[in-house]
Amino acid sequence: MDLPNQHLSRVDPRLGVLIKRVGPLKLPKPEHNDLYPALLSAIAHQQLHSNAAQAILGRLKSACGEALPTPAHLLGLTDETLRTCGFSATKMAALRDLAAKAVDGTIPSRTRALRLSDEALIQRLISIRGVGRWTVEMLLIFTLKRPDVFPVDDFGVREGYKILHGLEQQPKPKAFLEISLAYAPHRTRATLYLWRAADELKKPGTVLNKA
C-alpha cells in the first residue's frame, strides 16, 4: 500500500477497508494535456451521454480538418456550422466565450496552469460561460492530476461517503469540506475511492466489515 492509501486508511478506517477490498486505483491517462481542449470537451459533454457528446465532437473535428478547432478557428465558425455539429444555442455561446478567453489569456497554458494553485485556477476558469466549479475540479483531477482535489458538490462522492459510513443522508457540502480535511493532502485519491464505493458497496451481498 502506497503512502497516500496508508494515510487515508489511518484517518478513515472504513475507507481503509474499502481500499484493501478494491486495490490500487490510478487516474487514467488524460485525453487532453492542455486546458482549452479539455474544457471544450467538457462543455460538449454537459448534460449528454458520453456517446452523444463524442459524436458531436467527431462532427466538429470533421468540420475543422479532423482536429478540434483552435480558439481563433472556433471564433470564426458560423452558428450554422456549430448547430449542424449538434451544439445547442447555450453551448454555442459557451464555446465562443471559451475561445475568446483562450485568446485573451484568461485560460492559461498548461505550463502557466501548473504554477497556479487549485483555487486560483478555479476562480479564473469559472469566469467562462457555462463552466462551473465542478467542471474545473474535474479538470484539476483528470487533466492536471492535482493530488488534493475534493469535489464536495459531486453526487457520487457524497453518495459513496454516505454508503461507506452508513449514513441516512449525504453530508452537506460545507460539512463535507470539513470532513475532507482529514484526507489532505491526498483528497483526489479519496475521491477516486468514494466514487468506487457507491458502486462497490451496492453489490448484492456486499458486507464491509469495520477495520
N, C-alpha and C. Protein backbone atom coordinates (compact mmCIF):
# COMPACT_ATOMS: atom_id res chain seq x y z
N MET A 1 0.85 -1.19 0.00
CA MET A 1 0.00 0.00 0.00
C MET A 1 0.89 1.25 0.00
N ASP A 2 0.63 2.18 -0.93
CA ASP A 2 1.48 3.36 -1.02
C ASP A 2 1.13 4.37 0.07
N LEU A 3 1.92 5.44 0.16
CA LEU A 3 1.76 6.40 1.25
C LEU A 3 0.39 7.08 1.26
N PRO A 4 -0.15 7.53 0.09
CA PRO A 4 -1.48 8.12 0.13
C PRO A 4 -2.54 7.17 0.70
N ASN A 5 -2.51 5.91 0.27
CA ASN A 5 -3.50 4.96 0.77
C ASN A 5 -3.28 4.63 2.25
N GLN A 6 -2.03 4.63 2.68
CA GLN A 6 -1.75 4.43 4.10
C GLN A 6 -2.35 5.57 4.93
N HIS A 7 -2.17 6.79 4.44
CA HIS A 7 -2.72 7.95 5.15
C HIS A 7 -4.24 7.87 5.21
N LEU A 8 -4.88 7.59 4.07
CA LEU A 8 -6.34 7.53 4.03
C LEU A 8 -6.86 6.43 4.95
N SER A 9 -6.18 5.30 4.98
CA SER A 9 -6.60 4.19 5.83
C SER A 9 -6.47 4.53 7.31
N ARG A 10 -5.47 5.32 7.63
CA ARG A 10 -5.24 5.70 9.03
C ARG A 10 -6.30 6.68 9.52
N VAL A 11 -6.66 7.66 8.68
CA VAL A 11 -7.60 8.69 9.14
C VAL A 11 -9.05 8.26 8.98
N ASP A 12 -9.31 7.26 8.13
CA ASP A 12 -10.68 6.77 7.91
C ASP A 12 -10.61 5.25 7.76
N PRO A 13 -10.68 4.51 8.87
CA PRO A 13 -10.54 3.06 8.81
C PRO A 13 -11.53 2.37 7.88
N ARG A 14 -12.75 2.89 7.79
CA ARG A 14 -13.71 2.25 6.87
C ARG A 14 -13.27 2.44 5.42
N LEU A 15 -12.72 3.60 5.12
CA LEU A 15 -12.17 3.80 3.79
C LEU A 15 -10.99 2.86 3.57
N GLY A 16 -10.23 2.63 4.62
CA GLY A 16 -9.10 1.70 4.53
C GLY A 16 -9.54 0.30 4.17
N VAL A 17 -10.67 -0.15 4.73
CA VAL A 17 -11.20 -1.47 4.39
C VAL A 17 -11.56 -1.52 2.91
N LEU A 18 -12.19 -0.44 2.42
CA LEU A 18 -12.55 -0.38 1.01
C LEU A 18 -11.30 -0.40 0.13
N ILE A 19 -10.28 0.34 0.53
CA ILE A 19 -9.03 0.38 -0.24
C ILE A 19 -8.44 -1.02 -0.37
N LYS A 20 -8.44 -1.77 0.72
CA LYS A 20 -7.93 -3.14 0.67
C LYS A 20 -8.79 -4.02 -0.23
N ARG A 21 -10.08 -3.80 -0.18
CA ARG A 21 -11.01 -4.61 -0.98
C ARG A 21 -10.85 -4.33 -2.48
N VAL A 22 -10.76 -3.06 -2.83
CA VAL A 22 -10.72 -2.65 -4.24
C VAL A 22 -9.32 -2.77 -4.83
N GLY A 23 -8.31 -2.46 -4.02
CA GLY A 23 -6.95 -2.46 -4.52
C GLY A 23 -6.55 -1.10 -5.04
N PRO A 24 -5.37 -0.98 -5.64
CA PRO A 24 -4.88 0.32 -6.12
C PRO A 24 -5.77 0.92 -7.20
N LEU A 25 -5.99 2.21 -7.11
CA LEU A 25 -6.71 2.96 -8.14
C LEU A 25 -5.80 4.06 -8.65
N LYS A 26 -5.76 4.23 -9.96
CA LYS A 26 -4.95 5.29 -10.55
C LYS A 26 -5.78 6.07 -11.55
N LEU A 27 -5.40 7.32 -11.72
CA LEU A 27 -6.08 8.16 -12.70
C LEU A 27 -5.74 7.69 -14.11
N PRO A 28 -6.72 7.73 -15.02
CA PRO A 28 -6.43 7.36 -16.41
C PRO A 28 -5.57 8.41 -17.09
N LYS A 29 -4.95 8.03 -18.18
CA LYS A 29 -4.19 9.00 -18.97
C LYS A 29 -5.15 10.06 -19.50
N PRO A 30 -4.82 11.34 -19.34
CA PRO A 30 -5.74 12.38 -19.80
C PRO A 30 -5.92 12.39 -21.30
N GLU A 31 -7.14 12.64 -21.73
CA GLU A 31 -7.42 12.72 -23.17
C GLU A 31 -6.76 13.95 -23.77
N HIS A 32 -6.72 15.03 -22.99
CA HIS A 32 -6.11 16.29 -23.44
C HIS A 32 -5.11 16.76 -22.39
N ASN A 33 -3.99 17.28 -22.84
CA ASN A 33 -2.99 17.80 -21.90
C ASN A 33 -3.21 19.28 -21.58
N ASP A 34 -3.80 20.01 -22.52
CA ASP A 34 -3.99 21.44 -22.33
C ASP A 34 -5.41 21.76 -21.88
N LEU A 35 -5.57 22.91 -21.25
CA LEU A 35 -6.85 23.26 -20.64
C LEU A 35 -7.92 23.58 -21.67
N TYR A 36 -7.56 24.29 -22.73
CA TYR A 36 -8.57 24.69 -23.71
C TYR A 36 -9.31 23.50 -24.32
N PRO A 37 -8.62 22.51 -24.91
CA PRO A 37 -9.36 21.38 -25.47
C PRO A 37 -10.09 20.56 -24.41
N ALA A 38 -9.53 20.49 -23.20
CA ALA A 38 -10.20 19.75 -22.13
C ALA A 38 -11.52 20.43 -21.76
N LEU A 39 -11.52 21.76 -21.71
CA LEU A 39 -12.74 22.49 -21.39
C LEU A 39 -13.73 22.44 -22.54
N LEU A 40 -13.24 22.48 -23.77
CA LEU A 40 -14.12 22.34 -24.93
C LEU A 40 -14.86 21.00 -24.86
N SER A 41 -14.12 19.95 -24.57
CA SER A 41 -14.72 18.63 -24.45
C SER A 41 -15.71 18.58 -23.28
N ALA A 42 -15.35 19.21 -22.18
CA ALA A 42 -16.23 19.21 -21.00
C ALA A 42 -17.56 19.90 -21.31
N ILE A 43 -17.51 21.01 -22.03
CA ILE A 43 -18.74 21.71 -22.40
C ILE A 43 -19.59 20.83 -23.31
N ALA A 44 -18.95 20.16 -24.25
CA ALA A 44 -19.69 19.28 -25.16
C ALA A 44 -20.39 18.16 -24.40
N HIS A 45 -19.78 17.68 -23.33
CA HIS A 45 -20.33 16.54 -22.58
C HIS A 45 -21.41 16.94 -21.59
N GLN A 46 -21.57 18.22 -21.31
CA GLN A 46 -22.53 18.62 -20.29
C GLN A 46 -23.94 18.16 -20.64
N GLN A 47 -24.57 17.45 -19.69
CA GLN A 47 -25.97 17.00 -19.80
C GLN A 47 -26.21 16.07 -20.98
N LEU A 48 -25.17 15.39 -21.43
CA LEU A 48 -25.31 14.44 -22.53
C LEU A 48 -24.64 13.13 -22.17
N HIS A 49 -25.15 12.04 -22.74
CA HIS A 49 -24.46 10.76 -22.63
C HIS A 49 -23.13 10.88 -23.36
N SER A 50 -22.12 10.18 -22.87
CA SER A 50 -20.78 10.28 -23.44
C SER A 50 -20.76 9.98 -24.93
N ASN A 51 -21.52 8.98 -25.37
CA ASN A 51 -21.53 8.62 -26.80
C ASN A 51 -22.08 9.76 -27.65
N ALA A 52 -23.13 10.43 -27.16
CA ALA A 52 -23.71 11.55 -27.90
C ALA A 52 -22.72 12.70 -27.99
N ALA A 53 -22.04 12.98 -26.88
CA ALA A 53 -21.05 14.07 -26.88
C ALA A 53 -19.89 13.75 -27.81
N GLN A 54 -19.44 12.51 -27.81
CA GLN A 54 -18.34 12.13 -28.69
C GLN A 54 -18.74 12.25 -30.16
N ALA A 55 -19.99 11.95 -30.46
CA ALA A 55 -20.47 12.09 -31.84
C ALA A 55 -20.45 13.55 -32.26
N ILE A 56 -20.87 14.44 -31.36
CA ILE A 56 -20.86 15.88 -31.65
C ILE A 56 -19.43 16.36 -31.86
N LEU A 57 -18.53 15.94 -30.99
CA LEU A 57 -17.13 16.33 -31.13
C LEU A 57 -16.53 15.77 -32.41
N GLY A 58 -16.96 14.57 -32.80
CA GLY A 58 -16.48 13.99 -34.05
C GLY A 58 -16.91 14.82 -35.25
N ARG A 59 -18.16 15.30 -35.22
CA ARG A 59 -18.63 16.15 -36.32
C ARG A 59 -17.89 17.48 -36.33
N LEU A 60 -17.58 18.01 -35.13
CA LEU A 60 -16.82 19.26 -35.06
C LEU A 60 -15.43 19.07 -35.66
N LYS A 61 -14.79 17.96 -35.33
CA LYS A 61 -13.47 17.68 -35.89
C LYS A 61 -13.53 17.56 -37.41
N SER A 62 -14.56 16.90 -37.90
CA SER A 62 -14.71 16.73 -39.35
C SER A 62 -14.88 18.08 -40.04
N ALA A 63 -15.57 18.99 -39.36
CA ALA A 63 -15.79 20.32 -39.94
C ALA A 63 -14.54 21.19 -39.87
N CYS A 64 -13.55 20.75 -39.06
CA CYS A 64 -12.36 21.57 -38.83
C CYS A 64 -11.08 20.86 -39.23
N GLY A 65 -11.16 19.96 -40.20
CA GLY A 65 -9.95 19.30 -40.68
C GLY A 65 -9.49 18.16 -39.81
N GLU A 66 -10.45 17.46 -39.19
CA GLU A 66 -10.17 16.27 -38.38
C GLU A 66 -9.43 16.56 -37.08
N ALA A 67 -9.54 17.76 -36.57
CA ALA A 67 -8.95 18.10 -35.27
C ALA A 67 -9.85 19.13 -34.60
N LEU A 68 -9.79 19.20 -33.29
CA LEU A 68 -10.55 20.24 -32.61
C LEU A 68 -10.06 21.61 -33.06
N PRO A 69 -10.96 22.56 -33.23
CA PRO A 69 -10.54 23.87 -33.72
C PRO A 69 -9.71 24.63 -32.70
N THR A 70 -8.77 25.41 -33.19
CA THR A 70 -8.05 26.32 -32.31
C THR A 70 -9.04 27.39 -31.84
N PRO A 71 -8.70 28.15 -30.81
CA PRO A 71 -9.61 29.21 -30.37
C PRO A 71 -9.97 30.18 -31.50
N ALA A 72 -8.98 30.60 -32.28
CA ALA A 72 -9.25 31.54 -33.37
C ALA A 72 -10.16 30.91 -34.41
N HIS A 73 -9.93 29.65 -34.73
CA HIS A 73 -10.76 28.95 -35.71
C HIS A 73 -12.18 28.82 -35.18
N LEU A 74 -12.32 28.48 -33.91
CA LEU A 74 -13.65 28.32 -33.33
C LEU A 74 -14.44 29.62 -33.39
N LEU A 75 -13.77 30.73 -33.11
CA LEU A 75 -14.44 32.03 -33.17
C LEU A 75 -14.92 32.36 -34.57
N GLY A 76 -14.28 31.77 -35.58
CA GLY A 76 -14.66 32.03 -36.95
C GLY A 76 -15.75 31.12 -37.49
N LEU A 77 -16.12 30.10 -36.73
CA LEU A 77 -17.17 29.18 -37.20
C LEU A 77 -18.54 29.84 -37.08
N THR A 78 -19.39 29.57 -38.04
CA THR A 78 -20.73 30.14 -38.02
C THR A 78 -21.62 29.36 -37.05
N ASP A 79 -22.70 30.01 -36.65
CA ASP A 79 -23.68 29.33 -35.80
C ASP A 79 -24.23 28.10 -36.52
N GLU A 80 -24.42 28.22 -37.82
CA GLU A 80 -24.97 27.10 -38.58
C GLU A 80 -24.04 25.89 -38.53
N THR A 81 -22.74 26.14 -38.64
CA THR A 81 -21.78 25.03 -38.57
C THR A 81 -21.84 24.35 -37.22
N LEU A 82 -21.84 25.14 -36.16
CA LEU A 82 -21.89 24.57 -34.81
C LEU A 82 -23.22 23.87 -34.55
N ARG A 83 -24.29 24.45 -35.07
CA ARG A 83 -25.62 23.83 -34.90
C ARG A 83 -25.68 22.50 -35.62
N THR A 84 -25.09 22.45 -36.81
CA THR A 84 -25.07 21.20 -37.58
C THR A 84 -24.27 20.12 -36.85
N CYS A 85 -23.25 20.54 -36.14
CA CYS A 85 -22.46 19.57 -35.36
C CYS A 85 -23.27 18.99 -34.21
N GLY A 86 -24.28 19.75 -33.75
CA GLY A 86 -25.13 19.26 -32.68
C GLY A 86 -25.11 20.10 -31.41
N PHE A 87 -24.47 21.26 -31.46
CA PHE A 87 -24.41 22.11 -30.27
C PHE A 87 -25.68 22.94 -30.13
N SER A 88 -26.18 23.04 -28.91
CA SER A 88 -27.33 23.89 -28.62
C SER A 88 -26.90 25.35 -28.61
N ALA A 89 -27.88 26.25 -28.59
CA ALA A 89 -27.56 27.68 -28.55
C ALA A 89 -26.77 28.02 -27.29
N THR A 90 -27.14 27.40 -26.17
CA THR A 90 -26.44 27.65 -24.91
C THR A 90 -24.98 27.22 -25.00
N LYS A 91 -24.76 26.04 -25.58
CA LYS A 91 -23.38 25.55 -25.69
C LYS A 91 -22.58 26.33 -26.72
N MET A 92 -23.24 26.81 -27.77
CA MET A 92 -22.53 27.65 -28.74
C MET A 92 -22.01 28.91 -28.06
N ALA A 93 -22.85 29.51 -27.23
CA ALA A 93 -22.43 30.72 -26.50
C ALA A 93 -21.27 30.40 -25.56
N ALA A 94 -21.34 29.25 -24.91
CA ALA A 94 -20.26 28.85 -24.01
C ALA A 94 -18.96 28.61 -24.77
N LEU A 95 -19.05 27.96 -25.93
CA LEU A 95 -17.85 27.69 -26.73
C LEU A 95 -17.21 28.98 -27.23
N ARG A 96 -18.03 29.93 -27.63
CA ARG A 96 -17.47 31.19 -28.12
C ARG A 96 -16.78 31.96 -26.98
N ASP A 97 -17.38 31.91 -25.79
CA ASP A 97 -16.74 32.57 -24.65
C ASP A 97 -15.45 31.84 -24.27
N LEU A 98 -15.48 30.51 -24.35
CA LEU A 98 -14.27 29.73 -24.09
C LEU A 98 -13.15 30.14 -25.04
N ALA A 99 -13.47 30.21 -26.32
CA ALA A 99 -12.46 30.57 -27.32
C ALA A 99 -11.94 31.99 -27.08
N ALA A 100 -12.85 32.92 -26.78
CA ALA A 100 -12.43 34.30 -26.54
C ALA A 100 -11.50 34.40 -25.34
N LYS A 101 -11.80 33.63 -24.30
CA LYS A 101 -10.97 33.69 -23.10
C LYS A 101 -9.66 32.93 -23.28
N ALA A 102 -9.62 32.01 -24.23
CA ALA A 102 -8.34 31.38 -24.58
C ALA A 102 -7.47 32.38 -25.33
N VAL A 103 -8.09 33.15 -26.21
CA VAL A 103 -7.35 34.14 -26.98
C VAL A 103 -6.82 35.26 -26.08
N ASP A 104 -7.64 35.71 -25.12
CA ASP A 104 -7.20 36.86 -24.30
C ASP A 104 -6.32 36.44 -23.11
N GLY A 105 -6.07 35.15 -22.97
CA GLY A 105 -5.14 34.69 -21.94
C GLY A 105 -5.77 34.33 -20.61
N THR A 106 -7.09 34.43 -20.51
CA THR A 106 -7.75 34.03 -19.27
C THR A 106 -7.50 32.55 -18.99
N ILE A 107 -7.55 31.74 -20.05
CA ILE A 107 -7.24 30.31 -19.92
C ILE A 107 -5.74 30.16 -20.08
N PRO A 108 -5.05 29.77 -19.04
CA PRO A 108 -3.59 29.69 -19.13
C PRO A 108 -3.12 28.45 -19.88
N SER A 109 -1.89 28.50 -20.35
CA SER A 109 -1.27 27.31 -20.91
C SER A 109 -1.07 26.30 -19.79
N ARG A 110 -0.79 25.07 -20.15
CA ARG A 110 -0.54 24.06 -19.12
C ARG A 110 0.64 24.46 -18.23
N THR A 111 1.68 25.00 -18.85
CA THR A 111 2.86 25.41 -18.08
C THR A 111 2.50 26.48 -17.05
N ARG A 112 1.72 27.47 -17.47
CA ARG A 112 1.30 28.51 -16.54
C ARG A 112 0.33 27.96 -15.50
N ALA A 113 -0.53 27.05 -15.93
CA ALA A 113 -1.51 26.48 -15.00
C ALA A 113 -0.83 25.72 -13.87
N LEU A 114 0.28 25.07 -14.19
CA LEU A 114 0.98 24.30 -13.17
C LEU A 114 1.56 25.18 -12.07
N ARG A 115 1.68 26.47 -12.35
CA ARG A 115 2.22 27.40 -11.34
C ARG A 115 1.11 28.02 -10.48
N LEU A 116 -0.14 27.76 -10.83
CA LEU A 116 -1.26 28.34 -10.11
C LEU A 116 -1.84 27.33 -9.12
N SER A 117 -2.36 27.84 -8.01
CA SER A 117 -3.00 26.96 -7.04
C SER A 117 -4.32 26.45 -7.58
N ASP A 118 -4.85 25.41 -6.94
CA ASP A 118 -6.15 24.87 -7.35
C ASP A 118 -7.21 25.96 -7.31
N GLU A 119 -7.28 26.68 -6.20
CA GLU A 119 -8.34 27.68 -6.05
C GLU A 119 -8.16 28.83 -7.03
N ALA A 120 -6.92 29.22 -7.31
CA ALA A 120 -6.69 30.29 -8.28
C ALA A 120 -7.18 29.87 -9.66
N LEU A 121 -6.94 28.62 -10.04
CA LEU A 121 -7.42 28.13 -11.32
C LEU A 121 -8.94 28.06 -11.35
N ILE A 122 -9.53 27.60 -10.26
CA ILE A 122 -10.99 27.53 -10.21
C ILE A 122 -11.60 28.91 -10.41
N GLN A 123 -11.13 29.89 -9.66
CA GLN A 123 -11.69 31.24 -9.77
C GLN A 123 -11.46 31.84 -11.15
N ARG A 124 -10.36 31.51 -11.77
CA ARG A 124 -10.06 32.03 -13.10
C ARG A 124 -10.98 31.41 -14.15
N LEU A 125 -11.18 30.10 -14.06
CA LEU A 125 -11.89 29.39 -15.12
C LEU A 125 -13.40 29.42 -14.99
N ILE A 126 -13.93 29.65 -13.78
CA ILE A 126 -15.38 29.73 -13.67
C ILE A 126 -15.92 31.04 -14.25
N SER A 127 -15.03 31.91 -14.68
CA SER A 127 -15.48 33.12 -15.39
C SER A 127 -15.93 32.79 -16.80
N ILE A 128 -15.61 31.59 -17.28
CA ILE A 128 -16.03 31.16 -18.61
C ILE A 128 -17.51 30.78 -18.56
N ARG A 129 -18.24 31.24 -19.52
CA ARG A 129 -19.68 30.94 -19.57
C ARG A 129 -19.90 29.43 -19.62
N GLY A 130 -20.79 28.95 -18.77
CA GLY A 130 -21.12 27.53 -18.77
C GLY A 130 -20.15 26.63 -18.04
N VAL A 131 -19.12 27.21 -17.44
CA VAL A 131 -18.13 26.42 -16.71
C VAL A 131 -18.26 26.72 -15.22
N GLY A 132 -18.62 25.71 -14.45
CA GLY A 132 -18.78 25.88 -13.01
C GLY A 132 -17.64 25.24 -12.24
N ARG A 133 -17.74 25.34 -10.94
CA ARG A 133 -16.67 24.83 -10.08
C ARG A 133 -16.43 23.34 -10.29
N TRP A 134 -17.52 22.55 -10.39
CA TRP A 134 -17.37 21.11 -10.56
C TRP A 134 -16.60 20.78 -11.84
N THR A 135 -16.91 21.48 -12.93
CA THR A 135 -16.21 21.24 -14.20
C THR A 135 -14.72 21.48 -14.05
N VAL A 136 -14.36 22.55 -13.36
CA VAL A 136 -12.93 22.85 -13.17
C VAL A 136 -12.29 21.82 -12.25
N GLU A 137 -13.02 21.38 -11.24
CA GLU A 137 -12.47 20.35 -10.34
C GLU A 137 -12.18 19.06 -11.10
N MET A 138 -13.05 18.71 -12.05
CA MET A 138 -12.79 17.51 -12.86
C MET A 138 -11.54 17.71 -13.73
N LEU A 139 -11.36 18.93 -14.23
CA LEU A 139 -10.16 19.23 -15.00
C LEU A 139 -8.91 19.13 -14.12
N LEU A 140 -9.00 19.64 -12.90
CA LEU A 140 -7.87 19.55 -11.98
C LEU A 140 -7.51 18.09 -11.69
N ILE A 141 -8.53 17.25 -11.56
CA ILE A 141 -8.28 15.84 -11.25
C ILE A 141 -7.76 15.09 -12.47
N PHE A 142 -8.47 15.18 -13.58
CA PHE A 142 -8.19 14.29 -14.71
C PHE A 142 -7.20 14.84 -15.73
N THR A 143 -7.12 16.16 -15.88
CA THR A 143 -6.19 16.75 -16.85
C THR A 143 -4.87 17.14 -16.19
N LEU A 144 -4.95 17.83 -15.07
CA LEU A 144 -3.74 18.30 -14.39
C LEU A 144 -3.26 17.33 -13.31
N LYS A 145 -4.09 16.35 -12.97
CA LYS A 145 -3.72 15.33 -11.97
C LYS A 145 -3.28 15.95 -10.65
N ARG A 146 -4.02 16.94 -10.21
CA ARG A 146 -3.73 17.55 -8.91
C ARG A 146 -4.06 16.55 -7.79
N PRO A 147 -3.23 16.46 -6.77
CA PRO A 147 -3.39 15.39 -5.77
C PRO A 147 -4.38 15.67 -4.65
N ASP A 148 -4.83 16.92 -4.50
CA ASP A 148 -5.61 17.25 -3.30
C ASP A 148 -6.91 17.96 -3.64
N VAL A 149 -7.66 17.40 -4.59
CA VAL A 149 -8.93 17.97 -5.03
C VAL A 149 -10.07 17.14 -4.45
N PHE A 150 -11.08 17.82 -3.90
CA PHE A 150 -12.22 17.11 -3.30
C PHE A 150 -13.51 17.82 -3.70
N PRO A 151 -14.23 17.29 -4.70
CA PRO A 151 -15.45 17.95 -5.20
C PRO A 151 -16.64 17.71 -4.28
N VAL A 152 -16.84 18.60 -3.33
CA VAL A 152 -17.86 18.38 -2.30
C VAL A 152 -19.28 18.41 -2.85
N ASP A 153 -19.47 18.97 -4.04
CA ASP A 153 -20.81 19.02 -4.63
C ASP A 153 -21.10 17.81 -5.52
N ASP A 154 -20.13 16.92 -5.67
CA ASP A 154 -20.30 15.77 -6.56
C ASP A 154 -21.22 14.73 -5.90
N PHE A 155 -22.29 14.38 -6.59
CA PHE A 155 -23.27 13.44 -6.03
C PHE A 155 -22.63 12.09 -5.73
N GLY A 156 -21.82 11.59 -6.65
CA GLY A 156 -21.22 10.28 -6.48
C GLY A 156 -20.29 10.21 -5.29
N VAL A 157 -19.50 11.26 -5.07
CA VAL A 157 -18.59 11.29 -3.92
C VAL A 157 -19.37 11.33 -2.61
N ARG A 158 -20.39 12.16 -2.57
CA ARG A 158 -21.21 12.26 -1.35
C ARG A 158 -21.98 10.97 -1.09
N GLU A 159 -22.48 10.36 -2.17
CA GLU A 159 -23.22 9.10 -2.02
C GLU A 159 -22.29 7.99 -1.55
N GLY A 160 -21.09 7.96 -2.10
CA GLY A 160 -20.12 6.95 -1.68
C GLY A 160 -19.79 7.08 -0.21
N TYR A 161 -19.60 8.32 0.27
CA TYR A 161 -19.30 8.53 1.69
C TYR A 161 -20.48 8.11 2.55
N LYS A 162 -21.69 8.45 2.10
CA LYS A 162 -22.89 8.09 2.86
C LYS A 162 -22.99 6.58 3.02
N ILE A 163 -22.82 5.85 1.92
CA ILE A 163 -22.92 4.39 1.96
C ILE A 163 -21.79 3.79 2.79
N LEU A 164 -20.59 4.30 2.58
CA LEU A 164 -19.42 3.77 3.29
C LEU A 164 -19.58 3.88 4.80
N HIS A 165 -20.15 4.99 5.24
CA HIS A 165 -20.26 5.25 6.68
C HIS A 165 -21.65 4.98 7.25
N GLY A 166 -22.52 4.39 6.43
CA GLY A 166 -23.84 4.01 6.92
C GLY A 166 -24.71 5.18 7.34
N LEU A 167 -24.60 6.30 6.65
CA LEU A 167 -25.39 7.48 6.99
C LEU A 167 -26.77 7.41 6.33
N GLU A 168 -27.73 8.10 6.91
CA GLU A 168 -29.07 8.14 6.32
C GLU A 168 -29.13 9.15 5.19
N GLN A 169 -28.33 10.19 5.26
CA GLN A 169 -28.33 11.24 4.24
C GLN A 169 -26.90 11.56 3.83
N GLN A 170 -26.78 12.10 2.63
CA GLN A 170 -25.46 12.56 2.18
C GLN A 170 -25.03 13.75 3.03
N PRO A 171 -23.74 13.89 3.29
CA PRO A 171 -23.26 15.07 4.02
C PRO A 171 -23.47 16.34 3.19
N LYS A 172 -23.79 17.42 3.86
CA LYS A 172 -23.93 18.71 3.18
C LYS A 172 -22.54 19.18 2.74
N PRO A 173 -22.48 19.94 1.63
CA PRO A 173 -21.17 20.34 1.10
C PRO A 173 -20.25 21.02 2.12
N LYS A 174 -20.79 21.94 2.93
CA LYS A 174 -19.93 22.65 3.88
C LYS A 174 -19.36 21.69 4.92
N ALA A 175 -20.21 20.80 5.43
CA ALA A 175 -19.74 19.81 6.41
C ALA A 175 -18.78 18.82 5.76
N PHE A 176 -19.07 18.49 4.50
CA PHE A 176 -18.23 17.52 3.78
C PHE A 176 -16.83 18.08 3.57
N LEU A 177 -16.74 19.38 3.32
CA LEU A 177 -15.43 20.01 3.16
C LEU A 177 -14.62 19.87 4.45
N GLU A 178 -15.27 20.08 5.58
CA GLU A 178 -14.58 19.92 6.87
C GLU A 178 -14.12 18.48 7.07
N ILE A 179 -14.99 17.54 6.73
CA ILE A 179 -14.64 16.12 6.84
C ILE A 179 -13.42 15.80 5.99
N SER A 180 -13.39 16.39 4.78
CA SER A 180 -12.34 16.06 3.82
C SER A 180 -10.95 16.51 4.26
N LEU A 181 -10.88 17.46 5.19
CA LEU A 181 -9.58 17.98 5.60
C LEU A 181 -8.69 16.88 6.17
N ALA A 182 -9.31 15.88 6.76
CA ALA A 182 -8.52 14.77 7.31
C ALA A 182 -7.83 13.98 6.20
N TYR A 183 -8.41 13.98 5.01
CA TYR A 183 -7.83 13.25 3.88
C TYR A 183 -6.66 13.98 3.23
N ALA A 184 -6.56 15.29 3.46
CA ALA A 184 -5.49 16.08 2.84
C ALA A 184 -4.12 15.54 3.28
N PRO A 185 -3.12 15.60 2.42
CA PRO A 185 -3.08 16.18 1.07
C PRO A 185 -3.34 15.16 -0.05
N HIS A 186 -4.20 14.18 0.23
CA HIS A 186 -4.46 13.11 -0.75
C HIS A 186 -5.95 13.01 -1.07
N ARG A 187 -6.62 14.17 -1.16
CA ARG A 187 -8.07 14.13 -1.33
C ARG A 187 -8.51 13.66 -2.71
N THR A 188 -7.66 13.82 -3.72
CA THR A 188 -8.01 13.27 -5.03
C THR A 188 -8.11 11.75 -4.95
N ARG A 189 -7.17 11.12 -4.27
CA ARG A 189 -7.21 9.66 -4.12
C ARG A 189 -8.46 9.25 -3.34
N ALA A 190 -8.80 9.99 -2.30
CA ALA A 190 -10.02 9.70 -1.55
C ALA A 190 -11.24 9.81 -2.45
N THR A 191 -11.24 10.81 -3.32
CA THR A 191 -12.35 10.98 -4.26
C THR A 191 -12.52 9.75 -5.14
N LEU A 192 -11.42 9.23 -5.66
CA LEU A 192 -11.50 8.04 -6.51
C LEU A 192 -12.13 6.87 -5.78
N TYR A 193 -11.75 6.67 -4.53
CA TYR A 193 -12.30 5.55 -3.77
C TYR A 193 -13.76 5.78 -3.37
N LEU A 194 -14.12 7.01 -3.08
CA LEU A 194 -15.52 7.28 -2.73
C LEU A 194 -16.41 7.12 -3.95
N TRP A 195 -15.94 7.49 -5.12
CA TRP A 195 -16.70 7.19 -6.34
C TRP A 195 -16.91 5.69 -6.47
N ARG A 196 -15.85 4.95 -6.23
CA ARG A 196 -15.93 3.49 -6.35
C ARG A 196 -16.84 2.89 -5.28
N ALA A 197 -16.86 3.50 -4.11
CA ALA A 197 -17.67 2.98 -3.01
C ALA A 197 -19.15 2.91 -3.36
N ALA A 198 -19.63 3.93 -4.07
CA ALA A 198 -21.05 3.97 -4.42
C ALA A 198 -21.45 2.76 -5.24
N ASP A 199 -20.56 2.27 -6.08
CA ASP A 199 -20.85 1.08 -6.89
C ASP A 199 -20.51 -0.21 -6.14
N GLU A 200 -19.34 -0.22 -5.52
CA GLU A 200 -18.84 -1.44 -4.88
C GLU A 200 -19.75 -1.91 -3.75
N LEU A 201 -20.25 -0.98 -2.95
CA LEU A 201 -20.99 -1.35 -1.76
C LEU A 201 -22.48 -1.57 -2.01
N LYS A 202 -22.92 -1.32 -3.25
CA LYS A 202 -24.31 -1.61 -3.61
C LYS A 202 -24.47 -3.00 -4.22
N LYS A 203 -23.36 -3.70 -4.42
CA LYS A 203 -23.44 -5.04 -4.98
C LYS A 203 -24.17 -5.96 -4.00
N PRO A 204 -25.06 -6.83 -4.52
CA PRO A 204 -25.80 -7.74 -3.64
C PRO A 204 -24.86 -8.58 -2.77
N GLY A 205 -25.18 -8.64 -1.49
CA GLY A 205 -24.41 -9.48 -0.58
C GLY A 205 -23.12 -8.86 -0.08
N THR A 206 -22.85 -7.61 -0.45
CA THR A 206 -21.60 -6.97 -0.03
C THR A 206 -21.69 -6.56 1.44
N VAL A 207 -20.71 -6.96 2.20
CA VAL A 207 -20.61 -6.55 3.61
C VAL A 207 -19.22 -5.96 3.81
N LEU A 208 -19.19 -4.74 4.33
CA LEU A 208 -17.90 -4.09 4.60
C LEU A 208 -17.66 -4.14 6.10
N ASN A 209 -16.80 -5.03 6.52
CA ASN A 209 -16.51 -5.16 7.94
C ASN A 209 -15.69 -3.97 8.41
N LYS A 210 -15.89 -3.59 9.65
CA LYS A 210 -15.12 -2.49 10.22
C LYS A 210 -13.67 -2.90 10.37
N ALA A 211 -12.80 -1.90 10.20
CA ALA A 211 -11.37 -2.18 10.35
C ALA A 211 -11.04 -2.42 11.82
